[in-house]
ModelCIF file with pLDDT and N, C-alpha, C, O atoms, coordinates in Angstrom:
data_MODEL
#
_entry.id   MODEL 
#
_entity.id                         1 
_entity.type                       polymer 
_entity.pdbx_number_of_molecules   1 
#
_entity_poly.entity_id                      1 
_entity_poly.type                           'polypeptide(L)' 
_entity_poly.nstd_linkage                   no 
_entity_poly.nstd_monomer                   no 
_entity_poly.pdbx_seq_one_letter_code       
;(UNK)(UNK)(UNK)(UNK)(UNK)(UNK)(UNK)(UNK)(UNK)(UNK)(UNK)(UNK)(UNK)(UNK)(UNK)(UNK)
(UNK)(UNK)(UNK)(UNK)(UNK)(UNK)(UNK)(UNK)(UNK)(UNK)(UNK)(UNK)(UNK)(UNK)(UNK)(UNK)
(UNK)(UNK)(UNK)(UNK)(UNK)(UNK)(UNK)(UNK)(UNK)(UNK)(UNK)(UNK)(UNK)(UNK)(UNK)
;
_entity_poly.pdbx_seq_one_letter_code_can   XXXXXXXXXXXXXXXXXXXXXXXXXXXXXXXXXXXXXXXXXXXXXXX 
_entity_poly.pdbx_strand_id                 A 
#
loop_
_entity_poly_seq.entity_id 
_entity_poly_seq.num 
_entity_poly_seq.mon_id 
_entity_poly_seq.hetero 
1 1  UNK n 
1 2  UNK n 
1 3  UNK n 
1 4  UNK n 
1 5  UNK n 
1 6  UNK n 
1 7  UNK n 
1 8  UNK n 
1 9  UNK n 
1 10 UNK n 
1 11 UNK n 
1 12 UNK n 
1 13 UNK n 
1 14 UNK n 
1 15 UNK n 
1 16 UNK n 
1 17 UNK n 
1 18 UNK n 
1 19 UNK n 
1 20 UNK n 
1 21 UNK n 
1 22 UNK n 
1 23 UNK n 
1 24 UNK n 
1 25 UNK n 
1 26 UNK n 
1 27 UNK n 
1 28 UNK n 
1 29 UNK n 
1 30 UNK n 
1 31 UNK n 
1 32 UNK n 
1 33 UNK n 
1 34 UNK n 
1 35 UNK n 
1 36 UNK n 
1 37 UNK n 
1 38 UNK n 
1 39 UNK n 
1 40 UNK n 
1 41 UNK n 
1 42 UNK n 
1 43 UNK n 
1 44 UNK n 
1 45 UNK n 
1 46 UNK n 
1 47 UNK n 
#
_struct_asym.id          A 
_struct_asym.entity_id   1 
#
loop_
_ma_qa_metric.id 
_ma_qa_metric.mode 
_ma_qa_metric.name 
_ma_qa_metric.software_group_id 
_ma_qa_metric.type 
1 global pLDDT . pLDDT 
2 local  pLDDT . pLDDT 
#
_ma_qa_metric_global.metric_id      1 
_ma_qa_metric_global.metric_value   83.43 
_ma_qa_metric_global.model_id       1 
_ma_qa_metric_global.ordinal_id     1 
#
loop_
_ma_qa_metric_local.label_asym_id 
_ma_qa_metric_local.label_comp_id 
_ma_qa_metric_local.label_seq_id 
_ma_qa_metric_local.metric_id 
_ma_qa_metric_local.metric_value 
_ma_qa_metric_local.model_id 
_ma_qa_metric_local.ordinal_id 
A UNK 1  2 98.00 1 1  
A UNK 2  2 98.00 1 2  
A UNK 3  2 97.00 1 3  
A UNK 4  2 97.00 1 4  
A UNK 5  2 96.00 1 5  
A UNK 6  2 92.00 1 6  
A UNK 7  2 88.00 1 7  
A UNK 8  2 90.00 1 8  
A UNK 9  2 93.00 1 9  
A UNK 10 2 93.00 1 10 
A UNK 11 2 94.00 1 11 
A UNK 12 2 95.00 1 12 
A UNK 13 2 95.00 1 13 
A UNK 14 2 94.00 1 14 
A UNK 15 2 92.00 1 15 
A UNK 16 2 92.00 1 16 
A UNK 17 2 91.00 1 17 
A UNK 18 2 88.00 1 18 
A UNK 19 2 81.00 1 19 
A UNK 20 2 77.00 1 20 
A UNK 21 2 76.00 1 21 
A UNK 22 2 65.00 1 22 
A UNK 23 2 73.00 1 23 
A UNK 24 2 73.00 1 24 
A UNK 25 2 70.00 1 25 
A UNK 26 2 75.00 1 26 
A UNK 27 2 73.00 1 27 
A UNK 28 2 84.00 1 28 
A UNK 29 2 80.00 1 29 
A UNK 30 2 76.00 1 30 
A UNK 31 2 74.00 1 31 
A UNK 32 2 74.00 1 32 
A UNK 33 2 70.00 1 33 
A UNK 34 2 76.00 1 34 
A UNK 35 2 81.00 1 35 
A UNK 36 2 77.00 1 36 
A UNK 37 2 75.00 1 37 
A UNK 38 2 71.00 1 38 
A UNK 39 2 71.00 1 39 
A UNK 40 2 72.00 1 40 
A UNK 41 2 75.00 1 41 
A UNK 42 2 78.00 1 42 
A UNK 43 2 82.00 1 43 
A UNK 44 2 81.00 1 44 
A UNK 45 2 89.00 1 45 
A UNK 46 2 94.00 1 46 
A UNK 47 2 95.00 1 47 
#
loop_
_atom_site.group_PDB 
_atom_site.id 
_atom_site.type_symbol 
_atom_site.label_atom_id 
_atom_site.label_alt_id 
_atom_site.label_comp_id 
_atom_site.label_asym_id 
_atom_site.label_entity_id 
_atom_site.label_seq_id 
_atom_site.pdbx_PDB_ins_code 
_atom_site.Cartn_x 
_atom_site.Cartn_y 
_atom_site.Cartn_z 
_atom_site.occupancy 
_atom_site.B_iso_or_equiv 
_atom_site.pdbx_formal_charge 
_atom_site.auth_seq_id 
_atom_site.auth_comp_id 
_atom_site.auth_asym_id 
_atom_site.auth_atom_id 
_atom_site.pdbx_PDB_model_num 
ATOM 1   N N  . UNK A 1 1  ? 0.826  -1.204  0.000  1.00 98.00 ? 1  UNK A N  1 
ATOM 2   C CA . UNK A 1 1  ? 0.000  0.000   0.000  1.00 98.00 ? 1  UNK A CA 1 
ATOM 3   C C  . UNK A 1 1  ? 0.863  1.258   0.000  1.00 98.00 ? 1  UNK A C  1 
ATOM 4   O O  . UNK A 1 1  ? 1.915  1.318   0.636  1.00 98.00 ? 1  UNK A O  1 
ATOM 5   N N  . UNK A 1 2  ? 0.386  2.251   -0.730 1.00 98.00 ? 2  UNK A N  1 
ATOM 6   C CA . UNK A 1 2  ? 1.012  3.577   -0.733 1.00 98.00 ? 2  UNK A CA 1 
ATOM 7   C C  . UNK A 1 2  ? -0.059 4.563   -0.287 1.00 98.00 ? 2  UNK A C  1 
ATOM 8   O O  . UNK A 1 2  ? -1.035 4.792   -1.002 1.00 98.00 ? 2  UNK A O  1 
ATOM 9   N N  . UNK A 1 3  ? 0.123  5.145   0.892  1.00 97.00 ? 3  UNK A N  1 
ATOM 10  C CA . UNK A 1 3  ? -0.854 6.075   1.424  1.00 97.00 ? 3  UNK A CA 1 
ATOM 11  C C  . UNK A 1 3  ? -0.447 7.495   1.050  1.00 97.00 ? 3  UNK A C  1 
ATOM 12  O O  . UNK A 1 3  ? 0.623  7.963   1.439  1.00 97.00 ? 3  UNK A O  1 
ATOM 13  N N  . UNK A 1 4  ? -1.307 8.180   0.293  1.00 97.00 ? 4  UNK A N  1 
ATOM 14  C CA . UNK A 1 4  ? -1.066 9.573   -0.098 1.00 97.00 ? 4  UNK A CA 1 
ATOM 15  C C  . UNK A 1 4  ? -1.585 10.459  1.019  1.00 97.00 ? 4  UNK A C  1 
ATOM 16  O O  . UNK A 1 4  ? -2.794 10.661  1.141  1.00 97.00 ? 4  UNK A O  1 
ATOM 17  N N  . UNK A 1 5  ? -0.693 10.984  1.829  1.00 96.00 ? 5  UNK A N  1 
ATOM 18  C CA . UNK A 1 5  ? -1.081 11.687  3.043  1.00 96.00 ? 5  UNK A CA 1 
ATOM 19  C C  . UNK A 1 5  ? -1.123 13.201  2.852  1.00 96.00 ? 5  UNK A C  1 
ATOM 20  O O  . UNK A 1 5  ? -0.426 13.756  2.003  1.00 96.00 ? 5  UNK A O  1 
ATOM 21  N N  . UNK A 1 6  ? -1.950 13.852  3.654  1.00 92.00 ? 6  UNK A N  1 
ATOM 22  C CA . UNK A 1 6  ? -2.066 15.298  3.668  1.00 92.00 ? 6  UNK A CA 1 
ATOM 23  C C  . UNK A 1 6  ? -2.645 15.708  4.998  1.00 92.00 ? 6  UNK A C  1 
ATOM 24  O O  . UNK A 1 6  ? -1.950 15.690  6.014  1.00 92.00 ? 6  UNK A O  1 
ATOM 25  N N  . UNK A 1 7  ? -3.933 16.083  5.004  1.00 88.00 ? 7  UNK A N  1 
ATOM 26  C CA . UNK A 1 7  ? -4.620 16.417  6.249  1.00 88.00 ? 7  UNK A CA 1 
ATOM 27  C C  . UNK A 1 7  ? -4.628 15.213  7.199  1.00 88.00 ? 7  UNK A C  1 
ATOM 28  O O  . UNK A 1 7  ? -5.010 14.109  6.810  1.00 88.00 ? 7  UNK A O  1 
ATOM 29  N N  . UNK A 1 8  ? -4.207 15.436  8.429  1.00 90.00 ? 8  UNK A N  1 
ATOM 30  C CA . UNK A 1 8  ? -4.230 14.366  9.424  1.00 90.00 ? 8  UNK A CA 1 
ATOM 31  C C  . UNK A 1 8  ? -3.172 13.302  9.231  1.00 90.00 ? 8  UNK A C  1 
ATOM 32  O O  . UNK A 1 8  ? -3.312 12.192  9.744  1.00 90.00 ? 8  UNK A O  1 
ATOM 33  N N  . UNK A 1 9  ? -2.110 13.621  8.498  1.00 93.00 ? 9  UNK A N  1 
ATOM 34  C CA . UNK A 1 9  ? -1.080 12.615  8.205  1.00 93.00 ? 9  UNK A CA 1 
ATOM 35  C C  . UNK A 1 9  ? -0.493 12.007  9.467  1.00 93.00 ? 9  UNK A C  1 
ATOM 36  O O  . UNK A 1 9  ? -0.292 10.795  9.541  1.00 93.00 ? 9  UNK A O  1 
ATOM 37  N N  . UNK A 1 10 ? -0.218 12.845  10.457 1.00 93.00 ? 10 UNK A N  1 
ATOM 38  C CA . UNK A 1 10 ? 0.398  12.344  11.682 1.00 93.00 ? 10 UNK A CA 1 
ATOM 39  C C  . UNK A 1 10 ? -0.455 11.322  12.396 1.00 93.00 ? 10 UNK A C  1 
ATOM 40  O O  . UNK A 1 10 ? 0.066  10.355  12.952 1.00 93.00 ? 10 UNK A O  1 
ATOM 41  N N  . UNK A 1 11 ? -1.757 11.524  12.388 1.00 94.00 ? 11 UNK A N  1 
ATOM 42  C CA . UNK A 1 11 ? -2.643 10.595  13.091 1.00 94.00 ? 11 UNK A CA 1 
ATOM 43  C C  . UNK A 1 11 ? -2.752 9.265   12.347 1.00 94.00 ? 11 UNK A C  1 
ATOM 44  O O  . UNK A 1 11 ? -2.878 8.211   12.970 1.00 94.00 ? 11 UNK A O  1 
ATOM 45  N N  . UNK A 1 12 ? -2.704 9.316   11.025 1.00 95.00 ? 12 UNK A N  1 
ATOM 46  C CA . UNK A 1 12 ? -2.726 8.067   10.258 1.00 95.00 ? 12 UNK A CA 1 
ATOM 47  C C  . UNK A 1 12 ? -1.437 7.286   10.498 1.00 95.00 ? 12 UNK A C  1 
ATOM 48  O O  . UNK A 1 12 ? -1.472 6.072   10.699 1.00 95.00 ? 12 UNK A O  1 
ATOM 49  N N  . UNK A 1 13 ? -0.313 7.971   10.479 1.00 95.00 ? 13 UNK A N  1 
ATOM 50  C CA . UNK A 1 13 ? 0.964  7.307   10.775 1.00 95.00 ? 13 UNK A CA 1 
ATOM 51  C C  . UNK A 1 13 ? 0.941  6.688   12.167 1.00 95.00 ? 13 UNK A C  1 
ATOM 52  O O  . UNK A 1 13 ? 1.341  5.538   12.353 1.00 95.00 ? 13 UNK A O  1 
ATOM 53  N N  . UNK A 1 14 ? 0.471  7.461   13.143 1.00 94.00 ? 14 UNK A N  1 
ATOM 54  C CA . UNK A 1 14 ? 0.489  6.989   14.524 1.00 94.00 ? 14 UNK A CA 1 
ATOM 55  C C  . UNK A 1 14 ? -0.432 5.805   14.727 1.00 94.00 ? 14 UNK A C  1 
ATOM 56  O O  . UNK A 1 14 ? -0.146 4.925   15.540 1.00 94.00 ? 14 UNK A O  1 
ATOM 57  N N  . UNK A 1 15 ? -1.549 5.774   13.987 1.00 92.00 ? 15 UNK A N  1 
ATOM 58  C CA . UNK A 1 15 ? -2.466 4.634   14.107 1.00 92.00 ? 15 UNK A CA 1 
ATOM 59  C C  . UNK A 1 15 ? -1.733 3.330   13.801 1.00 92.00 ? 15 UNK A C  1 
ATOM 60  O O  . UNK A 1 15 ? -1.883 2.343   14.521 1.00 92.00 ? 15 UNK A O  1 
ATOM 61  N N  . UNK A 1 16 ? -0.944 3.332   12.735 1.00 92.00 ? 16 UNK A N  1 
ATOM 62  C CA . UNK A 1 16 ? -0.248 2.099   12.365 1.00 92.00 ? 16 UNK A CA 1 
ATOM 63  C C  . UNK A 1 16 ? 0.984  1.869   13.230 1.00 92.00 ? 16 UNK A C  1 
ATOM 64  O O  . UNK A 1 16 ? 1.316  0.722   13.530 1.00 92.00 ? 16 UNK A O  1 
ATOM 65  N N  . UNK A 1 17 ? 1.665  2.928   13.635 1.00 91.00 ? 17 UNK A N  1 
ATOM 66  C CA . UNK A 1 17 ? 2.819  2.756   14.518 1.00 91.00 ? 17 UNK A CA 1 
ATOM 67  C C  . UNK A 1 17 ? 2.407  2.148   15.858 1.00 91.00 ? 17 UNK A C  1 
ATOM 68  O O  . UNK A 1 17 ? 3.168  1.392   16.462 1.00 91.00 ? 17 UNK A O  1 
ATOM 69  N N  . UNK A 1 18 ? 1.195  2.482   16.319 1.00 88.00 ? 18 UNK A N  1 
ATOM 70  C CA . UNK A 1 18 ? 0.693  1.977   17.596 1.00 88.00 ? 18 UNK A CA 1 
ATOM 71  C C  . UNK A 1 18 ? -0.154 0.715   17.435 1.00 88.00 ? 18 UNK A C  1 
ATOM 72  O O  . UNK A 1 18 ? -0.747 0.246   18.406 1.00 88.00 ? 18 UNK A O  1 
ATOM 73  N N  . UNK A 1 19 ? -0.217 0.166   16.234 1.00 81.00 ? 19 UNK A N  1 
ATOM 74  C CA . UNK A 1 19 ? -1.148 -0.932  15.969 1.00 81.00 ? 19 UNK A CA 1 
ATOM 75  C C  . UNK A 1 19 ? -0.831 -2.136  16.862 1.00 81.00 ? 19 UNK A C  1 
ATOM 76  O O  . UNK A 1 19 ? 0.306  -2.605  16.916 1.00 81.00 ? 19 UNK A O  1 
ATOM 77  N N  . UNK A 1 20 ? -1.839 -2.612  17.546 1.00 77.00 ? 20 UNK A N  1 
ATOM 78  C CA . UNK A 1 20 ? -1.683 -3.737  18.464 1.00 77.00 ? 20 UNK A CA 1 
ATOM 79  C C  . UNK A 1 20 ? -2.498 -4.925  17.952 1.00 77.00 ? 20 UNK A C  1 
ATOM 80  O O  . UNK A 1 20 ? -3.726 -4.927  18.035 1.00 77.00 ? 20 UNK A O  1 
ATOM 81  N N  . UNK A 1 21 ? -1.816 -5.917  17.431 1.00 76.00 ? 21 UNK A N  1 
ATOM 82  C CA . UNK A 1 21 ? -2.491 -7.094  16.881 1.00 76.00 ? 21 UNK A CA 1 
ATOM 83  C C  . UNK A 1 21 ? -3.304 -7.823  17.955 1.00 76.00 ? 21 UNK A C  1 
ATOM 84  O O  . UNK A 1 21 ? -4.293 -8.487  17.645 1.00 76.00 ? 21 UNK A O  1 
ATOM 85  N N  . UNK A 1 22 ? -2.893 -7.697  19.191 1.00 65.00 ? 22 UNK A N  1 
ATOM 86  C CA . UNK A 1 22 ? -3.590 -8.413  20.263 1.00 65.00 ? 22 UNK A CA 1 
ATOM 87  C C  . UNK A 1 22 ? -4.968 -7.826  20.569 1.00 65.00 ? 22 UNK A C  1 
ATOM 88  O O  . UNK A 1 22 ? -5.815 -8.497  21.161 1.00 65.00 ? 22 UNK A O  1 
ATOM 89  N N  . UNK A 1 23 ? -5.187 -6.586  20.169 1.00 73.00 ? 23 UNK A N  1 
ATOM 90  C CA . UNK A 1 23 ? -6.445 -5.930  20.512 1.00 73.00 ? 23 UNK A CA 1 
ATOM 91  C C  . UNK A 1 23 ? -7.643 -6.580  19.830 1.00 73.00 ? 23 UNK A C  1 
ATOM 92  O O  . UNK A 1 23 ? -8.753 -6.548  20.361 1.00 73.00 ? 23 UNK A O  1 
ATOM 93  N N  . UNK A 1 24 ? -7.423 -7.171  18.659 1.00 73.00 ? 24 UNK A N  1 
ATOM 94  C CA . UNK A 1 24 ? -8.555 -7.708  17.906 1.00 73.00 ? 24 UNK A CA 1 
ATOM 95  C C  . UNK A 1 24 ? -8.322 -9.132  17.399 1.00 73.00 ? 24 UNK A C  1 
ATOM 96  O O  . UNK A 1 24 ? -9.065 -9.617  16.546 1.00 73.00 ? 24 UNK A O  1 
ATOM 97  N N  . UNK A 1 25 ? -7.308 -9.789  17.912 1.00 70.00 ? 25 UNK A N  1 
ATOM 98  C CA . UNK A 1 25 ? -7.032 -11.158 17.495 1.00 70.00 ? 25 UNK A CA 1 
ATOM 99  C C  . UNK A 1 25 ? -6.833 -12.051 18.722 1.00 70.00 ? 25 UNK A C  1 
ATOM 100 O O  . UNK A 1 25 ? -6.413 -11.583 19.781 1.00 70.00 ? 25 UNK A O  1 
ATOM 101 N N  . UNK A 1 26 ? -7.135 -13.325 18.569 1.00 75.00 ? 26 UNK A N  1 
ATOM 102 C CA . UNK A 1 26 ? -6.905 -14.277 19.645 1.00 75.00 ? 26 UNK A CA 1 
ATOM 103 C C  . UNK A 1 26 ? -5.397 -14.495 19.830 1.00 75.00 ? 26 UNK A C  1 
ATOM 104 O O  . UNK A 1 26 ? -4.637 -14.475 18.861 1.00 75.00 ? 26 UNK A O  1 
ATOM 105 N N  . UNK A 1 27 ? -4.979 -14.700 21.068 1.00 73.00 ? 27 UNK A N  1 
ATOM 106 C CA . UNK A 1 27 ? -3.564 -14.942 21.333 1.00 73.00 ? 27 UNK A CA 1 
ATOM 107 C C  . UNK A 1 27 ? -3.409 -15.752 22.619 1.00 73.00 ? 27 UNK A C  1 
ATOM 108 O O  . UNK A 1 27 ? -4.335 -15.861 23.423 1.00 73.00 ? 27 UNK A O  1 
ATOM 109 N N  . UNK A 1 28 ? -2.222 -16.310 22.788 1.00 84.00 ? 28 UNK A N  1 
ATOM 110 C CA . UNK A 1 28 ? -1.886 -17.078 23.982 1.00 84.00 ? 28 UNK A CA 1 
ATOM 111 C C  . UNK A 1 28 ? -0.903 -16.261 24.813 1.00 84.00 ? 28 UNK A C  1 
ATOM 112 O O  . UNK A 1 28 ? 0.146  -15.845 24.322 1.00 84.00 ? 28 UNK A O  1 
ATOM 113 N N  . UNK A 1 29 ? -1.255 -16.037 26.068 1.00 80.00 ? 29 UNK A N  1 
ATOM 114 C CA . UNK A 1 29 ? -0.453 -15.260 27.021 1.00 80.00 ? 29 UNK A CA 1 
ATOM 115 C C  . UNK A 1 29 ? 0.247  -16.246 27.955 1.00 80.00 ? 29 UNK A C  1 
ATOM 116 O O  . UNK A 1 29 ? -0.412 -17.060 28.604 1.00 80.00 ? 29 UNK A O  1 
ATOM 117 N N  . UNK A 1 30 ? 1.551  -16.179 28.024 1.00 76.00 ? 30 UNK A N  1 
ATOM 118 C CA . UNK A 1 30 ? 2.279  -17.128 28.871 1.00 76.00 ? 30 UNK A CA 1 
ATOM 119 C C  . UNK A 1 30 ? 3.511  -16.462 29.477 1.00 76.00 ? 30 UNK A C  1 
ATOM 120 O O  . UNK A 1 30 ? 3.877  -15.342 29.122 1.00 76.00 ? 30 UNK A O  1 
ATOM 121 N N  . UNK A 1 31 ? 4.140  -17.192 30.408 1.00 74.00 ? 31 UNK A N  1 
ATOM 122 C CA . UNK A 1 31 ? 5.339  -16.706 31.101 1.00 74.00 ? 31 UNK A CA 1 
ATOM 123 C C  . UNK A 1 31 ? 5.120  -15.333 31.724 1.00 74.00 ? 31 UNK A C  1 
ATOM 124 O O  . UNK A 1 31 ? 5.990  -14.464 31.665 1.00 74.00 ? 31 UNK A O  1 
ATOM 125 N N  . UNK A 1 32 ? 3.942  -15.150 32.325 1.00 74.00 ? 32 UNK A N  1 
ATOM 126 C CA . UNK A 1 32 ? 3.662  -13.895 32.997 1.00 74.00 ? 32 UNK A CA 1 
ATOM 127 C C  . UNK A 1 32 ? 3.647  -12.700 32.072 1.00 74.00 ? 32 UNK A C  1 
ATOM 128 O O  . UNK A 1 32 ? 3.872  -11.567 32.500 1.00 74.00 ? 32 UNK A O  1 
ATOM 129 N N  . UNK A 1 33 ? 3.381  -12.954 30.801 1.00 70.00 ? 33 UNK A N  1 
ATOM 130 C CA . UNK A 1 33 ? 3.316  -11.860 29.836 1.00 70.00 ? 33 UNK A CA 1 
ATOM 131 C C  . UNK A 1 33 ? 4.592  -11.673 29.041 1.00 70.00 ? 33 UNK A C  1 
ATOM 132 O O  . UNK A 1 33 ? 4.645  -10.847 28.130 1.00 70.00 ? 33 UNK A O  1 
ATOM 133 N N  . UNK A 1 34 ? 5.655  -12.461 29.392 1.00 76.00 ? 34 UNK A N  1 
ATOM 134 C CA . UNK A 1 34 ? 6.904  -12.333 28.647 1.00 76.00 ? 34 UNK A CA 1 
ATOM 135 C C  . UNK A 1 34 ? 6.786  -12.936 27.258 1.00 76.00 ? 34 UNK A C  1 
ATOM 136 O O  . UNK A 1 34 ? 7.578  -12.630 26.367 1.00 76.00 ? 34 UNK A O  1 
ATOM 137 N N  . UNK A 1 35 ? 5.797  -13.791 27.082 1.00 81.00 ? 35 UNK A N  1 
ATOM 138 C CA . UNK A 1 35 ? 5.579  -14.397 25.762 1.00 81.00 ? 35 UNK A CA 1 
ATOM 139 C C  . UNK A 1 35 ? 4.115  -14.249 25.378 1.00 81.00 ? 35 UNK A C  1 
ATOM 140 O O  . UNK A 1 35 ? 3.221  -14.660 26.118 1.00 81.00 ? 35 UNK A O  1 
ATOM 141 N N  . UNK A 1 36 ? 3.881  -13.656 24.209 1.00 77.00 ? 36 UNK A N  1 
ATOM 142 C CA . UNK A 1 36 ? 2.539  -13.521 23.656 1.00 77.00 ? 36 UNK A CA 1 
ATOM 143 C C  . UNK A 1 36 ? 2.566  -14.114 22.254 1.00 77.00 ? 36 UNK A C  1 
ATOM 144 O O  . UNK A 1 36 ? 3.297  -13.639 21.385 1.00 77.00 ? 36 UNK A O  1 
ATOM 145 N N  . UNK A 1 37 ? 1.769  -15.151 22.039 1.00 75.00 ? 37 UNK A N  1 
ATOM 146 C CA . UNK A 1 37 ? 1.743  -15.823 20.745 1.00 75.00 ? 37 UNK A CA 1 
ATOM 147 C C  . UNK A 1 37 ? 0.411  -15.558 20.062 1.00 75.00 ? 37 UNK A C  1 
ATOM 148 O O  . UNK A 1 37 ? -0.636 -15.990 20.544 1.00 75.00 ? 37 UNK A O  1 
ATOM 149 N N  . UNK A 1 38 ? 0.449  -14.864 18.962 1.00 71.00 ? 38 UNK A N  1 
ATOM 150 C CA . UNK A 1 38 ? -0.771 -14.581 18.206 1.00 71.00 ? 38 UNK A CA 1 
ATOM 151 C C  . UNK A 1 38 ? -1.271 -15.841 17.517 1.00 71.00 ? 38 UNK A C  1 
ATOM 152 O O  . UNK A 1 38 ? -0.486 -16.580 16.923 1.00 71.00 ? 38 UNK A O  1 
ATOM 153 N N  . UNK A 1 39 ? -2.568 -16.088 17.592 1.00 71.00 ? 39 UNK A N  1 
ATOM 154 C CA . UNK A 1 39 ? -3.167 -17.232 16.902 1.00 71.00 ? 39 UNK A CA 1 
ATOM 155 C C  . UNK A 1 39 ? -3.616 -16.853 15.494 1.00 71.00 ? 39 UNK A C  1 
ATOM 156 O O  . UNK A 1 39 ? -3.792 -17.723 14.641 1.00 71.00 ? 39 UNK A O  1 
ATOM 157 N N  . UNK A 1 40 ? -3.797 -15.589 15.255 1.00 72.00 ? 40 UNK A N  1 
ATOM 158 C CA . UNK A 1 40 ? -4.067 -15.080 13.913 1.00 72.00 ? 40 UNK A CA 1 
ATOM 159 C C  . UNK A 1 40 ? -3.660 -13.622 13.881 1.00 72.00 ? 40 UNK A C  1 
ATOM 160 O O  . UNK A 1 40 ? -3.426 -13.014 14.925 1.00 72.00 ? 40 UNK A O  1 
ATOM 161 N N  . UNK A 1 41 ? -3.575 -13.061 12.689 1.00 75.00 ? 41 UNK A N  1 
ATOM 162 C CA . UNK A 1 41 ? -3.051 -11.712 12.562 1.00 75.00 ? 41 UNK A CA 1 
ATOM 163 C C  . UNK A 1 41 ? -3.807 -10.944 11.488 1.00 75.00 ? 41 UNK A C  1 
ATOM 164 O O  . UNK A 1 41 ? -4.395 -11.538 10.585 1.00 75.00 ? 41 UNK A O  1 
ATOM 165 N N  . UNK A 1 42 ? -3.787 -9.621  11.593 1.00 78.00 ? 42 UNK A N  1 
ATOM 166 C CA . UNK A 1 42 ? -4.470 -8.775  10.624 1.00 78.00 ? 42 UNK A CA 1 
ATOM 167 C C  . UNK A 1 42 ? -3.548 -8.267  9.522  1.00 78.00 ? 42 UNK A C  1 
ATOM 168 O O  . UNK A 1 42 ? -3.864 -8.379  8.338  1.00 78.00 ? 42 UNK A O  1 
ATOM 169 N N  . UNK A 1 43 ? -2.405 -7.706  9.920  1.00 82.00 ? 43 UNK A N  1 
ATOM 170 C CA . UNK A 1 43 ? -1.645 -6.902  8.966  1.00 82.00 ? 43 UNK A CA 1 
ATOM 171 C C  . UNK A 1 43 ? -0.172 -7.299  8.855  1.00 82.00 ? 43 UNK A C  1 
ATOM 172 O O  . UNK A 1 43 ? 0.628  -6.534  8.317  1.00 82.00 ? 43 UNK A O  1 
ATOM 173 N N  . UNK A 1 44 ? 0.198  -8.476  9.351  1.00 81.00 ? 44 UNK A N  1 
ATOM 174 C CA . UNK A 1 44 ? 1.619  -8.809  9.367  1.00 81.00 ? 44 UNK A CA 1 
ATOM 175 C C  . UNK A 1 44 ? 2.211  -8.971  7.972  1.00 81.00 ? 44 UNK A C  1 
ATOM 176 O O  . UNK A 1 44 ? 3.432  -8.919  7.818  1.00 81.00 ? 44 UNK A O  1 
ATOM 177 N N  . UNK A 1 45 ? 1.376  -9.164  6.952  1.00 89.00 ? 45 UNK A N  1 
ATOM 178 C CA . UNK A 1 45 ? 1.903  -9.303  5.596  1.00 89.00 ? 45 UNK A CA 1 
ATOM 179 C C  . UNK A 1 45 ? 1.752  -8.020  4.773  1.00 89.00 ? 45 UNK A C  1 
ATOM 180 O O  . UNK A 1 45 ? 1.993  -8.024  3.566  1.00 89.00 ? 45 UNK A O  1 
ATOM 181 N N  . UNK A 1 46 ? 1.352  -6.920  5.429  1.00 94.00 ? 46 UNK A N  1 
ATOM 182 C CA . UNK A 1 46 ? 1.191  -5.666  4.706  1.00 94.00 ? 46 UNK A CA 1 
ATOM 183 C C  . UNK A 1 46 ? 2.510  -4.887  4.680  1.00 94.00 ? 46 UNK A C  1 
ATOM 184 O O  . UNK A 1 46 ? 3.266  -4.892  5.651  1.00 94.00 ? 46 UNK A O  1 
ATOM 185 N N  . UNK A 1 47 ? 2.767  -4.225  3.561  1.00 95.00 ? 47 UNK A N  1 
ATOM 186 C CA . UNK A 1 47 ? 3.853  -3.257  3.447  1.00 95.00 ? 47 UNK A CA 1 
ATOM 187 C C  . UNK A 1 47 ? 3.212  -1.920  3.126  1.00 95.00 ? 47 UNK A C  1 
ATOM 188 O O  . UNK A 1 47 ? 3.912  -0.919  2.976  1.00 95.00 ? 47 UNK A O  1 
#
């Protein structure tokens, strides 16, 4: 993807910089949080 930015560019950048796959995908939490294993992912193959 190539995002043509202008108005609100900083907020669009920050949305992806802060993107948390765990917020909307199932995952396994172990070792007191030292290990988080995603069971599926949204955007790991996006450039």
